[in-house]
Amino acid sequence: MLSLIGTIIIGFIAGLIARALKPGDDSAGFIFTTVIGIAGALIASYLGRALGWYGPNEAAGFIMSVVGAIVLLFVWGMIKRKS
């Protein structure tokens, strides 16, 4: 349970930093940026566990969470652009 809470907190901060680092003009709000950051951290945690980088109850590292959030922001930008 604590690793999930840690992932959410790190994801929140990672989402804010990913939004600042990603180039381009997006019109996403604060809440959407936070959700993308949390989703990026969760994906990074599960991917890291699957690849053996993290233990069973270990959250993703901060840098991996930021990278996951940036990837999700790029994917969201591509989906948004097509529609």
PDB file of N, CA and C in Angstrom:
ATOM      1  N   MET A   1       0.820  -1.190   0.000  1.00  0.00           N
ATOM      2  CA  MET A   1       0.000   0.000   0.000  1.00  0.00           C
ATOM      3  C   MET A   1       0.863   1.253   0.000  1.00  0.00           C
ATOM      4  N   LEU A   2       1.949   1.225   0.739  1.00  0.00           N
ATOM      5  CA  LEU A   2       2.816   2.396   0.791  1.00  0.00           C
ATOM      6  C   LEU A   2       3.521   2.652  -0.532  1.00  0.00           C
ATOM      7  N   SER A   3       3.807   1.584  -1.281  1.00  0.00           N
ATOM      8  CA  SER A   3       4.455   1.798  -2.573  1.00  0.00           C
ATOM      9  C   SER A   3       3.495   2.470  -3.546  1.00  0.00           C
ATOM     10  N   LEU A   4       2.197   2.180  -3.444  1.00  0.00           N
ATOM     11  CA  LEU A   4       1.208   2.831  -4.295  1.00  0.00           C
ATOM     12  C   LEU A   4       1.097   4.315  -3.945  1.00  0.00           C
ATOM     13  N   ILE A   5       1.082   4.627  -2.658  1.00  0.00           N
ATOM     14  CA  ILE A   5       1.038   6.030  -2.243  1.00  0.00           C
ATOM     15  C   ILE A   5       2.304   6.753  -2.682  1.00  0.00           C
ATOM     16  N   GLY A   6       3.443   6.105  -2.555  1.00  0.00           N
ATOM     17  CA  GLY A   6       4.702   6.697  -3.022  1.00  0.00           C
ATOM     18  C   GLY A   6       4.707   6.932  -4.518  1.00  0.00           C
ATOM     19  N   THR A   7       4.151   5.987  -5.249  1.00  0.00           N
ATOM     20  CA  THR A   7       4.058   6.126  -6.702  1.00  0.00           C
ATOM     21  C   THR A   7       3.170   7.307  -7.073  1.00  0.00           C
ATOM     22  N   ILE A   8       2.065   7.495  -6.363  1.00  0.00           N
ATOM     23  CA  ILE A   8       1.163   8.614  -6.650  1.00  0.00           C
ATOM     24  C   ILE A   8       1.835   9.945  -6.356  1.00  0.00           C
ATOM     25  N   ILE A   9       2.546  10.036  -5.240  1.00  0.00           N
ATOM     26  CA  ILE A   9       3.227  11.292  -4.893  1.00  0.00           C
ATOM     27  C   ILE A   9       4.329  11.595  -5.894  1.00  0.00           C
ATOM     28  N   ILE A  10       5.132  10.601  -6.222  1.00  0.00           N
ATOM     29  CA  ILE A  10       6.202  10.802  -7.210  1.00  0.00           C
ATOM     30  C   ILE A  10       5.599  11.121  -8.574  1.00  0.00           C
ATOM     31  N   GLY A  11       4.509  10.462  -8.916  1.00  0.00           N
ATOM     32  CA  GLY A  11       3.841  10.723 -10.193  1.00  0.00           C
ATOM     33  C   GLY A  11       3.313  12.135 -10.292  1.00  0.00           C
ATOM     34  N   PHE A  12       2.787  12.653  -9.203  1.00  0.00           N
ATOM     35  CA  PHE A  12       2.301  14.028  -9.175  1.00  0.00           C
ATOM     36  C   PHE A  12       3.426  15.003  -9.511  1.00  0.00           C
ATOM     37  N   ILE A  13       4.541  14.848  -8.848  1.00  0.00           N
ATOM     38  CA  ILE A  13       5.686  15.733  -9.089  1.00  0.00           C
ATOM     39  C   ILE A  13       6.272  15.483 -10.477  1.00  0.00           C
ATOM     40  N   ALA A  14       6.346  14.225 -10.887  1.00  0.00           N
ATOM     41  CA  ALA A  14       6.882  13.884 -12.204  1.00  0.00           C
ATOM     42  C   ALA A  14       6.023  14.469 -13.316  1.00  0.00           C
ATOM     43  N   GLY A  15       4.711  14.478 -13.138  1.00  0.00           N
ATOM     44  CA  GLY A  15       3.820  15.059 -14.139  1.00  0.00           C
ATOM     45  C   GLY A  15       4.062  16.540 -14.320  1.00  0.00           C
ATOM     46  N   LEU A  16       4.269  17.231 -13.230  1.00  0.00           N
ATOM     47  CA  LEU A  16       4.553  18.669 -13.310  1.00  0.00           C
ATOM     48  C   LEU A  16       5.881  18.932 -14.018  1.00  0.00           C
ATOM     49  N   ILE A  17       6.880  18.145 -13.701  1.00  0.00           N
ATOM     50  CA  ILE A  17       8.195  18.325 -14.326  1.00  0.00           C
ATOM     51  C   ILE A  17       8.155  17.913 -15.793  1.00  0.00           C
ATOM     52  N   ALA A  18       7.462  16.815 -16.106  1.00  0.00           N
ATOM     53  CA  ALA A  18       7.347  16.372 -17.506  1.00  0.00           C
ATOM     54  C   ALA A  18       6.651  17.437 -18.339  1.00  0.00           C
ATOM     55  N   ARG A  19       5.644  18.047 -17.779  1.00  0.00           N
ATOM     56  CA  ARG A  19       4.917  19.114 -18.492  1.00  0.00           C
ATOM     57  C   ARG A  19       5.832  20.304 -18.767  1.00  0.00           C
ATOM     58  N   ALA A  20       6.710  20.611 -17.824  1.00  0.00           N
ATOM     59  CA  ALA A  20       7.644  21.718 -18.007  1.00  0.00           C
ATOM     60  C   ALA A  20       8.731  21.380 -19.021  1.00  0.00           C
ATOM     61  N   LEU A  21       9.119  20.104 -19.105  1.00  0.00           N
ATOM     62  CA  LEU A  21      10.201  19.698 -19.999  1.00  0.00           C
ATOM     63  C   LEU A  21       9.743  19.426 -21.424  1.00  0.00           C
ATOM     64  N   LYS A  22       8.494  19.009 -21.592  1.00  0.00           N
ATOM     65  CA  LYS A  22       8.001  18.658 -22.925  1.00  0.00           C
ATOM     66  C   LYS A  22       7.801  19.923 -23.758  1.00  0.00           C
ATOM     67  N   PRO A  23       8.403  19.945 -24.940  1.00  0.00           N
ATOM     68  CA  PRO A  23       8.226  21.125 -25.790  1.00  0.00           C
ATOM     69  C   PRO A  23       6.835  21.151 -26.405  1.00  0.00           C
ATOM     70  N   GLY A  24       6.409  22.320 -26.786  1.00  0.00           N
ATOM     71  CA  GLY A  24       5.112  22.466 -27.437  1.00  0.00           C
ATOM     72  C   GLY A  24       4.118  23.180 -26.564  1.00  0.00           C
ATOM     73  N   ASP A  25       3.040  23.583 -27.174  1.00  0.00           N
ATOM     74  CA  ASP A  25       1.993  24.311 -26.486  1.00  0.00           C
ATOM     75  C   ASP A  25       0.776  23.404 -26.337  1.00  0.00           C
ATOM     76  N   ASP A  26       0.588  22.868 -25.141  1.00  0.00           N
ATOM     77  CA  ASP A  26      -0.570  22.029 -24.856  1.00  0.00           C
ATOM     78  C   ASP A  26      -1.547  22.821 -24.005  1.00  0.00           C
ATOM     79  N   SER A  27      -2.805  22.526 -24.181  1.00  0.00           N
ATOM     80  CA  SER A  27      -3.814  23.240 -23.415  1.00  0.00           C
ATOM     81  C   SER A  27      -4.363  22.396 -22.267  1.00  0.00           C
ATOM     82  N   ALA A  28      -3.625  21.386 -21.841  1.00  0.00           N
ATOM     83  CA  ALA A  28      -4.069  20.525 -20.746  1.00  0.00           C
ATOM     84  C   ALA A  28      -3.947  21.280 -19.431  1.00  0.00           C
ATOM     85  N   GLY A  29      -4.871  21.014 -18.538  1.00  0.00           N
ATOM     86  CA  GLY A  29      -4.879  21.691 -17.256  1.00  0.00           C
ATOM     87  C   GLY A  29      -4.040  20.988 -16.207  1.00  0.00           C
ATOM     88  N   PHE A  30      -4.108  21.532 -15.005  1.00  0.00           N
ATOM     89  CA  PHE A  30      -3.332  21.042 -13.880  1.00  0.00           C
ATOM     90  C   PHE A  30      -3.733  19.615 -13.512  1.00  0.00           C
ATOM     91  N   ILE A  31      -5.015  19.337 -13.463  1.00  0.00           N
ATOM     92  CA  ILE A  31      -5.489  18.011 -13.056  1.00  0.00           C
ATOM     93  C   ILE A  31      -5.092  16.958 -14.084  1.00  0.00           C
ATOM     94  N   PHE A  32      -5.229  17.277 -15.367  1.00  0.00           N
ATOM     95  CA  PHE A  32      -4.840  16.328 -16.417  1.00  0.00           C
ATOM     96  C   PHE A  32      -3.339  16.048 -16.362  1.00  0.00           C
ATOM     97  N   THR A  33      -2.551  17.080 -16.142  1.00  0.00           N
ATOM     98  CA  THR A  33      -1.099  16.906 -16.028  1.00  0.00           C
ATOM     99  C   THR A  33      -0.759  16.008 -14.850  1.00  0.00           C
ATOM    100  N   THR A  34      -1.461  16.179 -13.746  1.00  0.00           N
ATOM    101  CA  THR A  34      -1.240  15.345 -12.576  1.00  0.00           C
ATOM    102  C   THR A  34      -1.606  13.893 -12.856  1.00  0.00           C
ATOM    103  N   VAL A  35      -2.732  13.679 -13.524  1.00  0.00           N
ATOM    104  CA  VAL A  35      -3.167  12.311 -13.856  1.00  0.00           C
ATOM    105  C   VAL A  35      -2.169  11.641 -14.800  1.00  0.00           C
ATOM    106  N   ILE A  36      -1.681  12.386 -15.791  1.00  0.00           N
ATOM    107  CA  ILE A  36      -0.669  11.836 -16.705  1.00  0.00           C
ATOM    108  C   ILE A  36       0.601  11.468 -15.940  1.00  0.00           C
ATOM    109  N   GLY A  37       1.013  12.301 -15.010  1.00  0.00           N
ATOM    110  CA  GLY A  37       2.202  12.001 -14.204  1.00  0.00           C
ATOM    111  C   GLY A  37       2.026  10.756 -13.366  1.00  0.00           C
ATOM    112  N   ILE A  38       0.861  10.619 -12.734  1.00  0.00           N
ATOM    113  CA  ILE A  38       0.593   9.438 -11.918  1.00  0.00           C
ATOM    114  C   ILE A  38       0.530   8.192 -12.797  1.00  0.00           C
ATOM    115  N   ALA A  39      -0.118   8.298 -13.950  1.00  0.00           N
ATOM    116  CA  ALA A  39      -0.179   7.154 -14.869  1.00  0.00           C
ATOM    117  C   ALA A  39       1.219   6.789 -15.369  1.00  0.00           C
ATOM    118  N   GLY A  40       2.038   7.785 -15.665  1.00  0.00           N
ATOM    119  CA  GLY A  40       3.416   7.520 -16.097  1.00  0.00           C
ATOM    120  C   GLY A  40       4.222   6.819 -15.023  1.00  0.00           C
ATOM    121  N   ALA A  41       4.030   7.230 -13.763  1.00  0.00           N
ATOM    122  CA  ALA A  41       4.744   6.583 -12.661  1.00  0.00           C
ATOM    123  C   ALA A  41       4.263   5.154 -12.452  1.00  0.00           C
ATOM    124  N   LEU A  42       2.947   4.932 -12.580  1.00  0.00           N
ATOM    125  CA  LEU A  42       2.424   3.573 -12.431  1.00  0.00           C
ATOM    126  C   LEU A  42       2.932   2.656 -13.540  1.00  0.00           C
ATOM    127  N   ILE A  43       2.909   3.156 -14.761  1.00  0.00           N
ATOM    128  CA  ILE A  43       3.416   2.364 -15.889  1.00  0.00           C
ATOM    129  C   ILE A  43       4.905   2.087 -15.719  1.00  0.00           C
ATOM    130  N   ALA A  44       5.654   3.099 -15.287  1.00  0.00           N
ATOM    131  CA  ALA A  44       7.092   2.912 -15.070  1.00  0.00           C
ATOM    132  C   ALA A  44       7.352   1.891 -13.968  1.00  0.00           C
ATOM    133  N   SER A  45       6.530   1.907 -12.914  1.00  0.00           N
ATOM    134  CA  SER A  45       6.690   0.932 -11.821  1.00  0.00           C
ATOM    135  C   SER A  45       6.440  -0.487 -12.314  1.00  0.00           C
ATOM    136  N   TYR A  46       5.331  -0.675 -13.018  1.00  0.00           N
ATOM    137  CA  TYR A  46       5.006  -2.021 -13.495  1.00  0.00           C
ATOM    138  C   TYR A  46       5.995  -2.508 -14.551  1.00  0.00           C
ATOM    139  N   LEU A  47       6.425  -1.630 -15.429  1.00  0.00           N
ATOM    140  CA  LEU A  47       7.418  -2.007 -16.430  1.00  0.00           C
ATOM    141  C   LEU A  47       8.756  -2.337 -15.772  1.00  0.00           C
ATOM    142  N   GLY A  48       9.150  -1.534 -14.786  1.00  0.00           N
ATOM    143  CA  GLY A  48      10.398  -1.793 -14.066  1.00  0.00           C
ATOM    144  C   GLY A  48      10.366  -3.110 -13.313  1.00  0.00           C
ATOM    145  N   ARG A  49       9.227  -3.441 -12.732  1.00  0.00           N
ATOM    146  CA  ARG A  49       9.099  -4.733 -12.045  1.00  0.00           C
ATOM    147  C   ARG A  49       9.152  -5.886 -13.037  1.00  0.00           C
ATOM    148  N   ALA A  50       8.513  -5.701 -14.190  1.00  0.00           N
ATOM    149  CA  ALA A  50       8.514  -6.761 -15.204  1.00  0.00           C
ATOM    150  C   ALA A  50       9.914  -7.008 -15.756  1.00  0.00           C
ATOM    151  N   LEU A  51      10.718  -5.946 -15.853  1.00  0.00           N
ATOM    152  CA  LEU A  51      12.071  -6.081 -16.376  1.00  0.00           C
ATOM    153  C   LEU A  51      13.091  -6.434 -15.296  1.00  0.00           C
ATOM    154  N   GLY A  52      12.644  -6.489 -14.039  1.00  0.00           N
ATOM    155  CA  GLY A  52      13.537  -6.851 -12.953  1.00  0.00           C
ATOM    156  C   GLY A  52      14.345  -5.688 -12.393  1.00  0.00           C
ATOM    157  N   TRP A  53      13.986  -4.464 -12.738  1.00  0.00           N
ATOM    158  CA  TRP A  53      14.714  -3.295 -12.235  1.00  0.00           C
ATOM    159  C   TRP A  53      14.315  -2.950 -10.812  1.00  0.00           C
ATOM    160  N   TYR A  54      13.063  -3.248 -10.444  1.00  0.00           N
ATOM    161  CA  TYR A  54      12.534  -2.937  -9.120  1.00  0.00           C
ATOM    162  C   TYR A  54      12.028  -4.203  -8.466  1.00  0.00           C
ATOM    163  N   GLY A  55      12.018  -4.190  -7.130  1.00  0.00           N
ATOM    164  CA  GLY A  55      11.492  -5.312  -6.374  1.00  0.00           C
ATOM    165  C   GLY A  55       9.973  -5.323  -6.388  1.00  0.00           C
ATOM    166  N   PRO A  56       9.371  -6.353  -5.774  1.00  0.00           N
ATOM    167  CA  PRO A  56       7.911  -6.490  -5.817  1.00  0.00           C
ATOM    168  C   PRO A  56       7.149  -5.326  -5.169  1.00  0.00           C
ATOM    169  N   ASN A  57       7.666  -4.731  -4.130  1.00  0.00           N
ATOM    170  CA  ASN A  57       6.973  -3.634  -3.447  1.00  0.00           C
ATOM    171  C   ASN A  57       7.730  -2.323  -3.580  1.00  0.00           C
ATOM    172  N   GLU A  58       8.410  -2.149  -4.671  1.00  0.00           N
ATOM    173  CA  GLU A  58       9.241  -0.969  -4.875  1.00  0.00           C
ATOM    174  C   GLU A  58       8.623  -0.091  -5.964  1.00  0.00           C
ATOM    175  N   ALA A  59       8.551   1.204  -5.688  1.00  0.00           N
ATOM    176  CA  ALA A  59       8.010   2.155  -6.664  1.00  0.00           C
ATOM    177  C   ALA A  59       9.094   2.527  -7.668  1.00  0.00           C
ATOM    178  N   ALA A  60       8.667   3.050  -8.794  1.00  0.00           N
ATOM    179  CA  ALA A  60       9.613   3.480  -9.821  1.00  0.00           C
ATOM    180  C   ALA A  60      10.437   4.650  -9.308  1.00  0.00           C
ATOM    181  N   GLY A  61      11.621   4.782  -9.847  1.00  0.00           N
ATOM    182  CA  GLY A  61      12.456   5.910  -9.504  1.00  0.00           C
ATOM    183  C   GLY A  61      11.914   7.191 -10.105  1.00  0.00           C
ATOM    184  N   PHE A  62      12.406   8.290  -9.599  1.00  0.00           N
ATOM    185  CA  PHE A  62      11.895   9.585 -10.015  1.00  0.00           C
ATOM    186  C   PHE A  62      12.143   9.853 -11.496  1.00  0.00           C
ATOM    187  N   ILE A  63      13.346   9.558 -11.963  1.00  0.00           N
ATOM    188  CA  ILE A  63      13.686   9.829 -13.364  1.00  0.00           C
ATOM    189  C   ILE A  63      12.844   8.951 -14.287  1.00  0.00           C
ATOM    190  N   MET A  64      12.675   7.699 -13.940  1.00  0.00           N
ATOM    191  CA  MET A  64      11.846   6.802 -14.760  1.00  0.00           C
ATOM    192  C   MET A  64      10.394   7.275 -14.790  1.00  0.00           C
ATOM    193  N   SER A  65       9.911   7.812 -13.676  1.00  0.00           N
ATOM    194  CA  SER A  65       8.548   8.338 -13.635  1.00  0.00           C
ATOM    195  C   SER A  65       8.387   9.546 -14.540  1.00  0.00           C
ATOM    196  N   VAL A  66       9.387  10.418 -14.555  1.00  0.00           N
ATOM    197  CA  VAL A  66       9.343  11.591 -15.442  1.00  0.00           C
ATOM    198  C   VAL A  66       9.373  11.139 -16.897  1.00  0.00           C
ATOM    199  N   VAL A  67      10.209  10.167 -17.203  1.00  0.00           N
ATOM    200  CA  VAL A  67      10.281   9.647 -18.575  1.00  0.00           C
ATOM    201  C   VAL A  67       8.946   9.026 -18.975  1.00  0.00           C
ATOM    202  N   GLY A  68       8.338   8.259 -18.088  1.00  0.00           N
ATOM    203  CA  GLY A  68       7.035   7.666 -18.373  1.00  0.00           C
ATOM    204  C   GLY A  68       5.969   8.722 -18.621  1.00  0.00           C
ATOM    205  N   ALA A  69       5.998   9.798 -17.841  1.00  0.00           N
ATOM    206  CA  ALA A  69       5.023  10.874 -18.021  1.00  0.00           C
ATOM    207  C   ALA A  69       5.252  11.618 -19.334  1.00  0.00           C
ATOM    208  N   ILE A  70       6.510  11.835 -19.699  1.00  0.00           N
ATOM    209  CA  ILE A  70       6.803  12.505 -20.970  1.00  0.00           C
ATOM    210  C   ILE A  70       6.329  11.654 -22.139  1.00  0.00           C
ATOM    211  N   VAL A  71       6.557  10.343 -22.065  1.00  0.00           N
ATOM    212  CA  VAL A  71       6.093   9.454 -23.131  1.00  0.00           C
ATOM    213  C   VAL A  71       4.572   9.520 -23.250  1.00  0.00           C
ATOM    214  N   LEU A  72       3.869   9.498 -22.126  1.00  0.00           N
ATOM    215  CA  LEU A  72       2.411   9.586 -22.169  1.00  0.00           C
ATOM    216  C   LEU A  72       1.941  10.934 -22.710  1.00  0.00           C
ATOM    217  N   LEU A  73       2.652  12.010 -22.396  1.00  0.00           N
ATOM    218  CA  LEU A  73       2.287  13.317 -22.948  1.00  0.00           C
ATOM    219  C   LEU A  73       2.464  13.350 -24.462  1.00  0.00           C
ATOM    220  N   PHE A  74       3.526  12.732 -24.972  1.00  0.00           N
ATOM    221  CA  PHE A  74       3.718  12.657 -26.423  1.00  0.00           C
ATOM    222  C   PHE A  74       2.626  11.819 -27.085  1.00  0.00           C
ATOM    223  N   VAL A  75       2.278  10.689 -26.455  1.00  0.00           N
ATOM    224  CA  VAL A  75       1.213   9.842 -27.000  1.00  0.00           C
ATOM    225  C   VAL A  75      -0.110  10.610 -26.996  1.00  0.00           C
ATOM    226  N   TRP A  76      -0.410  11.305 -25.909  1.00  0.00           N
ATOM    227  CA  TRP A  76      -1.634  12.093 -25.837  1.00  0.00           C
ATOM    228  C   TRP A  76      -1.646  13.181 -26.916  1.00  0.00           C
ATOM    229  N   GLY A  77      -0.503  13.809 -27.148  1.00  0.00           N
ATOM    230  CA  GLY A  77      -0.417  14.831 -28.197  1.00  0.00           C
ATOM    231  C   GLY A  77      -0.676  14.263 -29.575  1.00  0.00           C
ATOM    232  N   MET A  78      -0.195  13.051 -29.839  1.00  0.00           N
ATOM    233  CA  MET A  78      -0.423  12.412 -31.136  1.00  0.00           C
ATOM    234  C   MET A  78      -1.890  12.032 -31.298  1.00  0.00           C
ATOM    235  N   ILE A  79      -2.516  11.533 -30.227  1.00  0.00           N
ATOM    236  CA  ILE A  79      -3.940  11.180 -30.300  1.00  0.00           C
ATOM    237  C   ILE A  79      -4.779  12.417 -30.474  1.00  0.00           C
ATOM    238  N   LYS A  80      -4.451  13.451 -29.769  1.00  0.00           N
ATOM    239  CA  LYS A  80      -5.221  14.693 -29.835  1.00  0.00           C
ATOM    240  C   LYS A  80      -5.097  15.353 -31.201  1.00  0.00           C
ATOM    241  N   ARG A  81      -3.928  15.260 -31.800  1.00  0.00           N
ATOM    242  CA  ARG A  81      -3.682  15.865 -33.099  1.00  0.00           C
ATOM    243  C   ARG A  81      -4.482  15.179 -34.196  1.00  0.00           C
ATOM    244  N   LYS A  82      -4.680  13.861 -34.106  1.00  0.00           N
ATOM    245  CA  LYS A  82      -5.409  13.114 -35.133  1.00  0.00           C
ATOM    246  C   LYS A  82      -6.906  13.387 -35.104  1.00  0.00           C
ATOM    247  N   SER A  83      -7.412  13.743 -33.944  1.00  0.00           N
ATOM    248  CA  SER A  83      -8.861  13.952 -33.860  1.00  0.00           C
ATOM    249  C   SER A  83      -9.256  15.403 -34.011  1.00  0.00           C
TER     250      SER A  83
END
